[in-house]
Every structure is written in structure tokens, then in C-alpha cells.
N, C-alpha and C. Protein backbone atom coordinates (compact mmCIF):
# COMPACT_ATOMS: atom_id res chain seq x y z
N HIS A 1 26.05 -43.23 -3.69
CA HIS A 1 25.06 -41.76 -3.52
C HIS A 1 23.91 -41.95 -3.32
N LEU A 2 23.55 -41.92 -5.04
CA LEU A 2 22.10 -42.07 -5.34
C LEU A 2 21.45 -42.93 -5.03
N CYS A 3 22.11 -44.12 -4.64
CA CYS A 3 21.10 -45.44 -3.80
C CYS A 3 20.78 -45.25 -2.43
N ARG A 4 21.78 -44.65 -1.45
CA ARG A 4 21.50 -44.07 -0.36
C ARG A 4 20.26 -42.97 -0.25
N ILE A 5 20.50 -42.02 -0.88
CA ILE A 5 19.28 -41.30 -1.31
C ILE A 5 17.89 -41.73 -1.42
N LEU A 6 17.96 -42.63 -2.27
CA LEU A 6 16.53 -43.15 -2.70
C LEU A 6 15.99 -44.00 -1.66
N SER A 7 17.18 -44.53 -0.59
CA SER A 7 16.51 -45.36 0.35
C SER A 7 16.13 -44.99 1.64
N GLU A 8 16.67 -43.56 1.72
CA GLU A 8 16.57 -42.76 2.77
C GLU A 8 15.22 -42.24 2.44
N ASN A 9 14.69 -41.95 1.45
CA ASN A 9 13.55 -41.16 1.10
C ASN A 9 12.28 -42.30 1.40
N LYS A 10 11.87 -42.17 2.16
CA LYS A 10 10.50 -43.19 2.96
C LYS A 10 9.63 -42.88 2.15
N SER A 11 9.28 -41.67 1.42
CA SER A 11 8.01 -41.47 0.76
C SER A 11 8.08 -41.67 -0.81
N HIS A 12 8.00 -42.67 -1.33
CA HIS A 12 8.20 -43.35 -2.42
C HIS A 12 6.92 -42.69 -3.51
N ASP A 13 6.07 -42.02 -3.08
CA ASP A 13 5.07 -41.81 -3.86
C ASP A 13 5.56 -39.87 -4.03
N SER A 14 6.56 -39.45 -3.73
CA SER A 14 6.99 -38.34 -4.17
C SER A 14 7.41 -37.96 -5.54
N SER A 15 7.30 -36.90 -5.69
CA SER A 15 7.41 -36.39 -7.42
C SER A 15 8.67 -36.44 -7.74
N THR A 16 9.89 -36.04 -6.63
CA THR A 16 11.57 -36.21 -6.80
C THR A 16 11.46 -37.68 -7.27
N TYR A 17 11.21 -38.69 -6.47
CA TYR A 17 11.45 -39.98 -6.29
C TYR A 17 10.68 -40.31 -7.82
N ARG A 18 9.90 -40.29 -8.22
CA ARG A 18 9.28 -40.65 -9.06
C ARG A 18 9.75 -40.06 -10.65
N ASP A 19 10.05 -39.10 -10.48
CA ASP A 19 10.99 -38.28 -11.59
C ASP A 19 12.44 -39.11 -11.65
N PHE A 20 13.02 -38.99 -10.75
CA PHE A 20 14.43 -39.76 -10.86
C PHE A 20 14.15 -41.51 -11.41
N GLN A 21 13.27 -42.47 -10.80
CA GLN A 21 13.15 -43.58 -11.39
C GLN A 21 12.81 -43.30 -12.49
N GLN A 22 11.97 -42.79 -13.29
CA GLN A 22 11.31 -42.53 -14.75
C GLN A 22 12.75 -42.10 -15.74
N ALA A 23 13.59 -41.18 -15.12
CA ALA A 23 14.77 -40.99 -15.83
C ALA A 23 15.61 -41.73 -15.57
N LEU A 24 15.95 -42.80 -14.75
CA LEU A 24 16.72 -44.07 -15.01
C LEU A 24 16.20 -45.20 -15.36
N TYR A 25 14.98 -45.17 -15.65
CA TYR A 25 14.41 -46.37 -16.21
C TYR A 25 14.92 -45.75 -17.90
N GLU A 26 14.68 -44.60 -18.21
CA GLU A 26 15.00 -44.02 -19.97
C GLU A 26 16.45 -44.13 -19.80
N LEU A 27 16.98 -43.66 -19.48
CA LEU A 27 18.47 -44.01 -19.18
C LEU A 27 18.91 -45.37 -19.45
N SER A 28 18.88 -46.19 -18.83
CA SER A 28 18.60 -47.74 -18.75
C SER A 28 18.13 -47.92 -20.59
N TYR A 29 16.91 -47.94 -20.78
CA TYR A 29 16.57 -48.15 -22.04
C TYR A 29 17.13 -48.00 -22.97
N HIS A 30 17.93 -46.51 -22.89
CA HIS A 30 19.22 -46.15 -24.20
C HIS A 30 20.45 -47.03 -23.91
N VAL A 31 20.70 -47.10 -23.38
CA VAL A 31 21.68 -47.99 -23.14
C VAL A 31 21.33 -49.52 -23.60
N ILE A 32 20.44 -49.83 -23.07
CA ILE A 32 20.41 -51.46 -23.80
C ILE A 32 20.17 -51.31 -25.30
N LYS A 33 19.33 -50.52 -25.38
CA LYS A 33 19.12 -50.20 -27.20
C LYS A 33 20.09 -50.15 -28.02
N GLY A 34 21.21 -49.30 -27.32
CA GLY A 34 22.66 -49.28 -27.85
C GLY A 34 22.45 -47.74 -28.44
N ASN A 35 21.49 -47.05 -28.09
CA ASN A 35 21.49 -45.44 -28.31
C ASN A 35 22.66 -44.62 -27.41
N LEU A 36 22.93 -45.02 -26.39
CA LEU A 36 23.94 -44.74 -25.36
C LEU A 36 24.99 -45.68 -25.08
N LYS A 37 26.35 -45.17 -24.89
CA LYS A 37 27.35 -46.10 -24.29
C LYS A 37 27.31 -46.17 -23.04
N HIS A 38 27.86 -47.03 -22.60
CA HIS A 38 27.62 -46.99 -20.99
C HIS A 38 28.65 -46.00 -20.06
N GLU A 39 29.24 -45.42 -21.14
CA GLU A 39 30.31 -44.51 -20.23
C GLU A 39 29.57 -43.12 -20.32
N GLN A 40 28.82 -42.99 -21.56
CA GLN A 40 27.82 -41.90 -21.30
C GLN A 40 26.83 -41.85 -20.12
N ALA A 41 26.44 -43.09 -20.04
CA ALA A 41 25.16 -43.19 -19.20
C ALA A 41 25.93 -42.95 -17.76
N SER A 42 27.20 -43.79 -17.68
CA SER A 42 28.07 -43.60 -16.35
C SER A 42 28.06 -41.91 -15.61
N SER A 43 28.54 -40.61 -17.19
CA SER A 43 28.97 -40.01 -17.12
C SER A 43 27.39 -39.05 -16.28
N VAL A 44 26.21 -39.35 -16.93
CA VAL A 44 24.97 -38.77 -16.38
C VAL A 44 24.70 -38.74 -15.30
N LEU A 45 25.02 -40.41 -14.58
CA LEU A 45 24.75 -40.87 -12.96
C LEU A 45 25.89 -39.86 -12.62
N ASN A 46 26.97 -39.57 -12.86
CA ASN A 46 28.02 -39.02 -11.87
C ASN A 46 27.52 -37.30 -11.78
N ASP A 47 27.07 -37.02 -12.88
CA ASP A 47 26.45 -35.24 -12.81
C ASP A 47 25.10 -35.55 -12.05
N ILE A 48 24.39 -36.23 -12.08
CA ILE A 48 23.04 -36.22 -11.38
C ILE A 48 23.50 -36.29 -9.93
N SER A 49 24.60 -37.21 -9.52
CA SER A 49 25.17 -37.57 -8.09
C SER A 49 25.66 -36.05 -7.58
N VAL A 50 26.25 -35.85 -8.35
CA VAL A 50 27.19 -34.39 -7.60
C VAL A 50 26.01 -33.20 -7.87
N ARG A 51 24.91 -33.55 -8.18
CA ARG A 51 24.32 -32.23 -8.12
C ARG A 51 23.28 -32.31 -6.92
N ILE A 52 23.41 -33.52 -6.29
CA ILE A 52 22.43 -33.98 -5.26
C ILE A 52 22.74 -33.90 -4.11
N PRO A 53 22.10 -32.78 -3.08
CA PRO A 53 22.89 -32.49 -1.75
C PRO A 53 22.96 -33.78 -1.11
């Protein structure tokens, strides 16, 4: 769902796209560093996808 929304957004300069990209980077960083469990990151992504129309 998230990937489809981003791929349909042709304006990669939009603040929404950049904000999401930054949040995804930070979420991934914390999982890689061991600060977050995979299950926690998955829950965050699920929460985001539920809120995106």
C-alpha cells in the first residue's frame, strides 16, 4: 500500500514524499542499530498505512 502510494506520487519533491522518506530512513536505521525490534518497525509501518487514505 505504501509503495503504491509513493510510486503514484510523481512529484518526488513534495514535502510529504520527503517526510515519509526521512521517517522510513530513520525507522530502518533504528532497526539496523538494534534500537527497535523488527516487530516494532512492522507495527509502525502498519499504523502509517492504515492512516494513509
